[in-house]
């Protein structure tokens, strides 16, 4: 009896985690550059209760981490001079107090010092690793498909667009940023195309996520009902044994 309860509890824990992830996807359906996530699960074998016969192991369901889908999100035209979107694989490189971070969120602006920054105020870095400085007296800003920033005939710099060897090494770090969890430095992404006046929308498909939310809730309720039935069966067996004695 206990085996069924423990297995059911392990499944409930993963379903609750999956529910949180799906809810987060839905909440970020309109977040620029957000990438949809999904829960990965694995089974782990364990010995059955000592009071039971049989050598077959019991399999528990465990949380094995979060998978992130980095497929391209739809492009949205904004017309903003500092709105930038990446078409293809790559990330903008930005500077934070904790070190370099990476993002697909191209809603850039300028700070009082004239630096190109993210919505959170983190400087956007150029290909040399330094900030991009915009001088309003030099006229409108033009950003080419290769990321080169110019004002009139003056080249301001080139927005760094980089790509890691393994996308799985990119971990969420808040403010729509990612951090590189390996010792290798992401390299330039020559195939990525930069679009000025556009933003990349989230790749979350709301209808799919809402459907998944309903499925997870029903699965959780089903496991809970199975555990209640198992507990009731155990209670009934104990009562009958007590009467027999």
Protein backbone atom coordinates (compact mmCIF):
# COMPACT_ATOMS: atom_id res chain seq x y z
CA UNK A 1 0.00 0.00 0.00
CA UNK A 2 2.75 2.46 0.98
CA UNK A 3 4.51 1.98 -2.35
CA UNK A 4 1.49 3.33 -4.26
CA UNK A 5 1.25 6.33 -1.93
CA UNK A 6 4.95 7.18 -2.27
CA UNK A 7 4.88 6.82 -6.06
CA UNK A 8 1.74 8.97 -6.21
CA UNK A 9 3.34 11.62 -4.01
CA UNK A 10 6.43 11.74 -6.22
CA UNK A 11 4.19 12.27 -9.26
CA UNK A 12 2.21 14.98 -7.49
CA UNK A 13 5.42 16.87 -6.74
CA UNK A 14 6.45 16.87 -10.41
CA UNK A 15 2.95 17.84 -11.52
CA UNK A 16 2.96 20.78 -9.13
CA UNK A 17 6.32 21.88 -10.52
CA UNK A 18 5.00 21.51 -14.07
CA UNK A 19 1.95 23.56 -13.14
CA UNK A 20 4.23 26.40 -11.97
CA UNK A 21 6.20 26.28 -15.23
CA UNK A 22 3.11 26.30 -17.44
CA UNK A 23 1.61 29.17 -15.44
CA UNK A 24 4.86 31.10 -15.86
CA UNK A 25 4.76 30.51 -19.62
CA UNK A 26 1.24 31.92 -19.80
CA UNK A 27 2.21 34.91 -17.66
CA UNK A 28 5.08 35.69 -20.05
CA UNK A 29 3.14 35.23 -23.29
CA UNK A 30 3.62 38.95 -24.00
CA UNK A 31 7.19 39.28 -22.68
CA UNK A 32 9.65 40.35 -25.38
CA UNK A 33 12.11 37.59 -26.27
CA UNK A 34 10.74 35.11 -23.71
CA UNK A 35 11.33 31.43 -24.51
CA UNK A 36 8.76 28.79 -23.58
CA UNK A 37 9.81 26.22 -20.96
CA UNK A 38 8.84 22.66 -20.17
CA UNK A 39 9.56 20.28 -17.30
CA UNK A 40 11.81 17.28 -17.80
CA UNK A 41 11.13 14.25 -15.59
CA UNK A 42 12.96 11.01 -14.97
CA UNK A 43 12.21 7.78 -13.14
CA UNK A 44 14.34 6.39 -10.34
CA UNK A 45 14.14 2.82 -9.17
CA UNK A 46 13.84 1.91 -5.51
CA UNK A 47 13.27 -1.26 -3.55
CA UNK A 48 9.63 -2.08 -2.69
CA UNK A 49 8.39 -2.10 0.90
CA UNK A 50 10.01 -4.89 2.93
CA UNK A 51 6.62 -6.36 3.81
CA UNK A 52 5.92 -7.10 0.14
CA UNK A 53 7.23 -10.05 -1.87
CA UNK A 54 8.76 -9.75 -5.32
CA UNK A 55 12.02 -8.37 -6.63
CA UNK A 56 10.62 -5.85 -9.10
CA UNK A 57 11.77 -2.31 -8.18
CA UNK A 58 9.34 0.55 -7.66
CA UNK A 59 9.84 3.53 -9.99
CA UNK A 60 9.48 7.05 -8.63
CA UNK A 61 9.00 10.16 -10.79
CA UNK A 62 11.54 12.93 -10.19
CA UNK A 63 12.11 16.48 -11.43
CA UNK A 64 15.02 16.43 -13.90
CA UNK A 65 15.20 20.16 -14.70
CA UNK A 66 13.67 22.63 -17.14
CA UNK A 67 13.97 22.44 -20.93
CA UNK A 68 13.85 25.73 -22.82
CA UNK A 69 12.71 26.08 -26.43
CA UNK A 70 14.89 28.68 -28.17
CA UNK A 71 13.02 28.67 -31.47
CA UNK A 72 12.43 32.04 -33.12
CA UNK A 73 9.55 34.14 -31.86
CA UNK A 74 7.44 36.23 -34.25
CA UNK A 75 8.78 39.66 -35.24
CA UNK A 76 6.78 42.75 -34.33
CA UNK A 77 7.39 46.10 -36.02
CA UNK A 78 7.63 49.04 -33.62
CA UNK A 79 9.53 51.68 -35.56
CA UNK A 80 11.57 52.60 -32.48
CA UNK A 81 15.16 53.69 -33.16
CA UNK A 82 16.49 51.64 -30.26
CA UNK A 83 14.18 48.64 -30.65
CA UNK A 84 16.25 45.76 -32.03
CA UNK A 85 15.42 42.13 -32.81
CA UNK A 86 17.63 39.16 -33.67
CA UNK A 87 16.61 36.87 -36.50
CA UNK A 88 18.39 33.57 -36.05
CA UNK A 89 20.40 32.07 -33.21
CA UNK A 90 22.17 34.56 -30.99
CA UNK A 91 21.97 36.81 -27.94
CA UNK A 92 22.72 40.42 -27.17
CA UNK A 93 25.57 40.76 -24.69
CA UNK A 94 25.02 43.13 -21.76
CA UNK A 95 27.01 44.15 -18.71
CA UNK A 96 25.68 43.75 -15.17
CA UNK A 97 27.16 44.10 -11.71
CA UNK A 98 27.44 40.29 -11.61
CA UNK A 99 29.26 40.10 -14.95
CA UNK A 100 28.27 39.65 -18.58
CA UNK A 101 24.76 38.43 -19.26
CA UNK A 102 22.80 37.64 -22.45
CA UNK A 103 19.32 38.46 -23.69
CA UNK A 104 16.96 38.33 -26.67
CA UNK A 105 15.05 41.35 -25.35
CA UNK A 106 15.98 44.25 -27.64
CA UNK A 107 13.93 47.02 -26.01
CA UNK A 108 16.93 49.30 -25.66
CA UNK A 109 17.13 52.92 -24.64
CA UNK A 110 19.83 55.39 -23.54
CA UNK A 111 20.81 56.40 -20.02
CA UNK A 112 21.81 59.94 -18.91
CA UNK A 113 25.42 59.19 -19.91
CA UNK A 114 24.32 58.39 -23.46
CA UNK A 115 25.03 54.65 -23.21
CA UNK A 116 22.77 52.18 -24.97
CA UNK A 117 21.13 50.17 -22.17
CA UNK A 118 18.43 47.58 -21.50
CA UNK A 119 15.12 48.35 -19.79
CA UNK A 120 16.81 47.50 -16.48
CA UNK A 121 19.67 49.90 -17.18
CA UNK A 122 22.36 47.35 -18.10
CA UNK A 123 24.79 48.64 -20.77
CA UNK A 124 24.59 46.89 -24.14
CA UNK A 125 28.09 45.82 -25.20
CA UNK A 126 29.78 46.14 -28.57
CA UNK A 127 31.96 43.52 -30.25
CA UNK A 128 34.98 44.75 -28.27
CA UNK A 129 33.26 44.33 -24.89
CA UNK A 130 32.70 48.03 -24.21
CA UNK A 131 29.49 50.08 -23.96
CA UNK A 132 27.94 51.80 -26.97
CA UNK A 133 27.79 55.58 -26.53
CA UNK A 134 25.15 57.55 -28.42
CA UNK A 135 25.68 61.30 -29.00
CA UNK A 136 22.31 62.98 -29.64
CA UNK A 137 24.06 65.90 -31.37
CA UNK A 138 25.23 63.63 -34.18
CA UNK A 139 21.75 62.93 -35.49
CA UNK A 140 19.52 59.85 -35.86
CA UNK A 141 20.82 56.39 -35.03
CA UNK A 142 20.95 53.73 -37.72
CA UNK A 143 21.51 50.05 -36.89
CA UNK A 144 22.43 47.77 -39.78
CA UNK A 145 21.54 44.12 -40.22
CA UNK A 146 25.08 43.26 -39.15
CA UNK A 147 24.61 45.21 -35.89
CA UNK A 148 26.79 48.17 -36.88
CA UNK A 149 25.55 51.40 -35.25
CA UNK A 150 26.08 54.66 -37.12
CA UNK A 151 25.08 58.28 -36.73
CA UNK A 152 25.36 59.95 -40.10
CA UNK A 153 28.79 59.07 -41.48
CA UNK A 154 30.19 58.23 -38.04
CA UNK A 155 30.44 54.62 -36.90
CA UNK A 156 29.50 54.40 -33.22
CA UNK A 157 30.21 50.67 -32.82
CA UNK A 158 28.75 47.24 -33.46
CA UNK A 159 26.20 45.56 -31.20
CA UNK A 160 27.61 42.24 -30.01
CA UNK A 161 25.46 39.27 -31.05
CA UNK A 162 26.94 36.04 -29.74
CA UNK A 163 26.02 32.37 -29.55
CA UNK A 164 27.16 29.70 -27.06
CA UNK A 165 28.32 26.27 -28.21
CA UNK A 166 25.45 24.69 -26.29
CA UNK A 167 22.17 26.50 -25.66
CA UNK A 168 21.60 24.28 -22.62
CA UNK A 169 24.41 26.22 -20.91
CA UNK A 170 22.22 29.36 -20.80
CA UNK A 171 20.44 29.65 -17.43
CA UNK A 172 17.82 32.25 -16.48
CA UNK A 173 19.13 35.09 -14.34
CA UNK A 174 16.22 37.53 -13.91
CA UNK A 175 15.35 40.73 -15.85
CA UNK A 176 14.88 38.59 -18.98
CA UNK A 177 18.60 37.78 -18.91
CA UNK A 178 20.61 34.56 -19.19
CA UNK A 179 23.99 33.66 -17.76
CA UNK A 180 26.52 31.32 -19.26
CA UNK A 181 27.08 28.34 -16.93
CA UNK A 182 30.21 27.07 -18.69
CA UNK A 183 33.80 28.30 -18.85
CA UNK A 184 33.65 28.76 -22.62
CA UNK A 185 32.99 32.24 -23.97
CA UNK A 186 30.08 32.59 -26.43
CA UNK A 187 31.41 33.43 -29.89
CA UNK A 188 30.06 35.90 -32.49
CA UNK A 189 26.99 34.68 -34.40
CA UNK A 190 27.73 35.67 -38.01
CA UNK A 191 24.49 34.17 -39.34
CA UNK A 192 22.26 36.21 -37.04
CA UNK A 193 20.50 39.20 -38.61
CA UNK A 194 19.75 42.36 -36.60
CA UNK A 195 16.54 44.28 -37.36
CA UNK A 196 16.15 47.88 -36.21
CA UNK A 197 12.66 49.07 -35.33
CA UNK A 198 11.44 45.57 -34.53
CA UNK A 199 11.11 43.33 -31.48
CA UNK A 200 10.96 39.57 -31.11
CA UNK A 201 7.79 38.47 -29.37
CA UNK A 202 7.56 35.51 -27.01
CA UNK A 203 7.39 32.09 -28.67
CA UNK A 204 4.73 30.97 -26.18
CA UNK A 205 1.59 29.61 -27.85
CA UNK A 206 -1.10 30.50 -25.34
CA UNK A 207 -3.71 28.00 -26.55
CA UNK A 208 -1.24 25.11 -26.20
CA UNK A 209 -0.16 26.25 -22.74
CA UNK A 210 -3.74 26.67 -21.49
CA UNK A 211 -4.56 23.17 -22.78
CA UNK A 212 -1.49 21.83 -21.01
CA UNK A 213 -2.54 23.62 -17.81
CA UNK A 214 -5.89 21.83 -17.86
CA UNK A 215 -4.20 18.47 -18.53
CA UNK A 216 -1.80 18.94 -15.60
CA UNK A 217 -4.63 19.89 -13.25
CA UNK A 218 -6.64 16.81 -14.25
CA UNK A 219 -3.59 14.57 -13.87
CA UNK A 220 -2.98 15.98 -10.37
CA UNK A 221 -6.61 15.34 -9.41
CA UNK A 222 -6.39 11.80 -10.82
CA UNK A 223 -3.30 10.98 -8.76
CA UNK A 224 -4.91 12.48 -5.65
CA UNK A 225 -7.99 10.29 -6.16
CA UNK A 226 -5.80 7.19 -6.61
CA UNK A 227 -3.98 7.98 -3.37
CA UNK A 228 -7.27 8.48 -1.51
CA UNK A 229 -8.56 5.13 -2.79
CA UNK A 230 -5.32 3.40 -1.80
CA UNK A 231 -5.46 4.94 1.67
CA UNK A 232 -9.09 3.89 2.08
CA UNK A 233 -8.24 0.35 0.96
CA UNK A 234 -5.44 0.19 3.51
CA UNK A 235 -7.74 1.45 6.28
CA UNK A 236 -10.41 -1.08 5.37
CA UNK A 237 -7.86 -3.93 5.39
CA UNK A 238 -6.61 -2.93 8.83
CA UNK A 239 -10.18 -2.80 10.20
CA UNK A 240 -10.97 -6.26 8.84
CA UNK A 241 -7.78 -7.71 10.29
CA UNK A 242 -8.66 -6.19 13.63
CA UNK A 243 -12.14 -7.75 13.60
CA UNK A 244 -10.72 -11.12 12.58
CA UNK A 245 -8.48 -11.14 15.63
